[in-house]
Amino acid sequence: MPIFVRKSQIKKSFFIFADTFIKNQILASFMANKNNILSLLAMDKIMKKAGAYRVSDEAKEALRDVLEELGDKISKKADELSKHAGRCTIKAVDIHVAAK
């Protein structure tokens, strides 16, 4: 038994497919960068605040990598300090002590 489909239904289903495909591509690009917490715009603002006139994308990515690595180290040390103090919550004091 043949199935008859209207042209309007084909176009609508195609656009739904295309829209879903585009959404999946955008989601995949975000998931590929899931390890990056800090944005490149934030790195640009930090370097311009420090006096830079122009900043390359490579410099932004390098600063982001360094700051995220440093943040991970400080956070792990602060977590150890909070657990040693018998707390589950990391407080500002833990961060300051861990950063020294």
C-alpha atoms as a PDB file:
ATOM      1  CA  MET A   1       0.000   0.000   0.000  1.00  0.00           C
ATOM      2  CA  PRO A   2       1.645   3.262  -1.079  1.00  0.00           C
ATOM      3  CA  ILE A   3       2.029   6.085   1.388  1.00  0.00           C
ATOM      4  CA  PHE A   4       1.102   9.509   0.133  1.00  0.00           C
ATOM      5  CA  VAL A   5       2.857  12.499   1.643  1.00  0.00           C
ATOM      6  CA  ARG A   6       2.083  16.108   0.949  1.00  0.00           C
ATOM      7  CA  LYS A   7       4.833  18.460  -0.166  1.00  0.00           C
ATOM      8  CA  SER A   8       4.207  20.668   2.849  1.00  0.00           C
ATOM      9  CA  GLN A   9       4.884  17.706   5.141  1.00  0.00           C
ATOM     10  CA  ILE A  10       8.156  16.904   3.370  1.00  0.00           C
ATOM     11  CA  LYS A  11       9.396  20.468   3.667  1.00  0.00           C
ATOM     12  CA  LYS A  12       8.403  20.641   7.310  1.00  0.00           C
ATOM     13  CA  SER A  13      10.100  17.352   8.153  1.00  0.00           C
ATOM     14  CA  PHE A  14      13.214  18.399   6.227  1.00  0.00           C
ATOM     15  CA  PHE A  15      13.438  21.661   8.156  1.00  0.00           C
ATOM     16  CA  ILE A  16      12.952  19.820  11.430  1.00  0.00           C
ATOM     17  CA  PHE A  17      15.750  17.440  10.414  1.00  0.00           C
ATOM     18  CA  ALA A  18      18.016  20.325   9.335  1.00  0.00           C
ATOM     19  CA  ASP A  19      17.255  22.247  12.528  1.00  0.00           C
ATOM     20  CA  THR A  20      18.030  19.170  14.639  1.00  0.00           C
ATOM     21  CA  PHE A  21      21.225  18.578  12.671  1.00  0.00           C
ATOM     22  CA  ILE A  22      22.393  22.169  13.254  1.00  0.00           C
ATOM     23  CA  LYS A  23      21.562  21.954  16.957  1.00  0.00           C
ATOM     24  CA  ASN A  24      23.528  18.709  17.220  1.00  0.00           C
ATOM     25  CA  GLN A  25      26.515  20.325  15.491  1.00  0.00           C
ATOM     26  CA  ILE A  26      26.449  23.263  17.903  1.00  0.00           C
ATOM     27  CA  LEU A  27      26.103  20.914  20.868  1.00  0.00           C
ATOM     28  CA  ALA A  28      28.998  18.793  19.597  1.00  0.00           C
ATOM     29  CA  SER A  29      31.211  21.861  19.332  1.00  0.00           C
ATOM     30  CA  PHE A  30      30.411  22.777  22.936  1.00  0.00           C
ATOM     31  CA  MET A  31      31.017  19.211  24.111  1.00  0.00           C
ATOM     32  CA  ALA A  32      34.396  19.157  22.352  1.00  0.00           C
ATOM     33  CA  ASN A  33      35.448  22.122  24.506  1.00  0.00           C
ATOM     34  CA  LYS A  34      33.923  20.867  27.743  1.00  0.00           C
ATOM     35  CA  ASN A  35      37.290  21.004  29.517  1.00  0.00           C
ATOM     36  CA  ASN A  36      37.483  24.756  29.018  1.00  0.00           C
ATOM     37  CA  ILE A  37      35.712  26.543  31.836  1.00  0.00           C
ATOM     38  CA  LEU A  38      37.052  30.032  31.261  1.00  0.00           C
ATOM     39  CA  SER A  39      36.066  31.938  28.133  1.00  0.00           C
ATOM     40  CA  LEU A  40      38.435  33.511  25.639  1.00  0.00           C
ATOM     41  CA  LEU A  41      36.617  36.810  26.112  1.00  0.00           C
ATOM     42  CA  ALA A  42      37.518  36.766  29.803  1.00  0.00           C
ATOM     43  CA  MET A  43      41.165  36.153  28.891  1.00  0.00           C
ATOM     44  CA  ASP A  44      41.036  39.069  26.458  1.00  0.00           C
ATOM     45  CA  LYS A  45      39.628  41.347  29.162  1.00  0.00           C
ATOM     46  CA  ILE A  46      42.295  40.280  31.661  1.00  0.00           C
ATOM     47  CA  MET A  47      45.147  40.973  29.242  1.00  0.00           C
ATOM     48  CA  LYS A  48      43.694  44.287  28.062  1.00  0.00           C
ATOM     49  CA  LYS A  49      43.220  45.347  31.688  1.00  0.00           C
ATOM     50  CA  ALA A  50      46.917  44.573  32.171  1.00  0.00           C
ATOM     51  CA  GLY A  51      47.754  46.980  29.344  1.00  0.00           C
ATOM     52  CA  ALA A  52      47.771  44.921  26.147  1.00  0.00           C
ATOM     53  CA  TYR A  53      46.540  46.749  23.060  1.00  0.00           C
ATOM     54  CA  ARG A  54      45.934  43.660  20.911  1.00  0.00           C
ATOM     55  CA  VAL A  55      45.810  40.000  21.939  1.00  0.00           C
ATOM     56  CA  SER A  56      46.032  36.965  19.653  1.00  0.00           C
ATOM     57  CA  ASP A  57      43.716  33.981  20.005  1.00  0.00           C
ATOM     58  CA  GLU A  58      46.712  31.763  20.733  1.00  0.00           C
ATOM     59  CA  ALA A  59      47.700  34.006  23.651  1.00  0.00           C
ATOM     60  CA  LYS A  60      44.143  33.877  24.999  1.00  0.00           C
ATOM     61  CA  GLU A  61      44.113  30.068  24.788  1.00  0.00           C
ATOM     62  CA  ALA A  62      47.535  29.834  26.453  1.00  0.00           C
ATOM     63  CA  LEU A  63      46.463  32.068  29.344  1.00  0.00           C
ATOM     64  CA  ARG A  64      43.240  30.092  29.708  1.00  0.00           C
ATOM     65  CA  ASP A  65      45.161  26.806  29.886  1.00  0.00           C
ATOM     66  CA  VAL A  66      47.581  28.169  32.492  1.00  0.00           C
ATOM     67  CA  LEU A  67      44.842  29.695  34.658  1.00  0.00           C
ATOM     68  CA  GLU A  68      42.665  26.582  34.505  1.00  0.00           C
ATOM     69  CA  GLU A  69      45.613  24.384  35.499  1.00  0.00           C
ATOM     70  CA  LEU A  70      46.482  26.719  38.368  1.00  0.00           C
ATOM     71  CA  GLY A  71      42.828  26.822  39.419  1.00  0.00           C
ATOM     72  CA  ASP A  72      42.677  23.029  39.469  1.00  0.00           C
ATOM     73  CA  LYS A  73      45.758  22.793  41.683  1.00  0.00           C
ATOM     74  CA  ILE A  74      44.485  25.412  44.122  1.00  0.00           C
ATOM     75  CA  SER A  75      41.012  23.842  44.224  1.00  0.00           C
ATOM     76  CA  LYS A  76      42.393  20.378  44.974  1.00  0.00           C
ATOM     77  CA  LYS A  77      44.588  21.750  47.758  1.00  0.00           C
ATOM     78  CA  ALA A  78      41.659  23.756  49.167  1.00  0.00           C
ATOM     79  CA  ASP A  79      39.491  20.634  49.100  1.00  0.00           C
ATOM     80  CA  GLU A  80      42.120  18.753  51.087  1.00  0.00           C
ATOM     81  CA  LEU A  81      42.307  21.602  53.607  1.00  0.00           C
ATOM     82  CA  SER A  82      38.533  21.730  54.064  1.00  0.00           C
ATOM     83  CA  LYS A  83      38.334  17.954  54.569  1.00  0.00           C
ATOM     84  CA  HIS A  84      41.220  18.120  57.043  1.00  0.00           C
ATOM     85  CA  ALA A  85      39.235  20.740  58.972  1.00  0.00           C
ATOM     86  CA  GLY A  86      36.233  18.389  59.015  1.00  0.00           C
ATOM     87  CA  ARG A  87      34.158  20.380  56.517  1.00  0.00           C
ATOM     88  CA  CYS A  88      32.579  19.493  53.196  1.00  0.00           C
ATOM     89  CA  THR A  89      32.459  23.125  52.104  1.00  0.00           C
ATOM     90  CA  ILE A  90      35.478  24.913  50.683  1.00  0.00           C
ATOM     91  CA  LYS A  91      35.700  28.377  52.215  1.00  0.00           C
ATOM     92  CA  ALA A  92      37.611  31.478  51.163  1.00  0.00           C
ATOM     93  CA  VAL A  93      40.221  30.806  53.852  1.00  0.00           C
ATOM     94  CA  ASP A  94      40.980  27.441  52.248  1.00  0.00           C
ATOM     95  CA  ILE A  95      41.496  29.097  48.867  1.00  0.00           C
ATOM     96  CA  HIS A  96      43.804  31.762  50.324  1.00  0.00           C
ATOM     97  CA  VAL A  97      45.884  29.210  52.205  1.00  0.00           C
ATOM     98  CA  ALA A  98      46.047  26.869  49.201  1.00  0.00           C
ATOM     99  CA  ALA A  99      47.168  29.700  46.921  1.00  0.00           C
ATOM    100  CA  LYS A 100      50.217  30.479  49.099  1.00  0.00           C
END
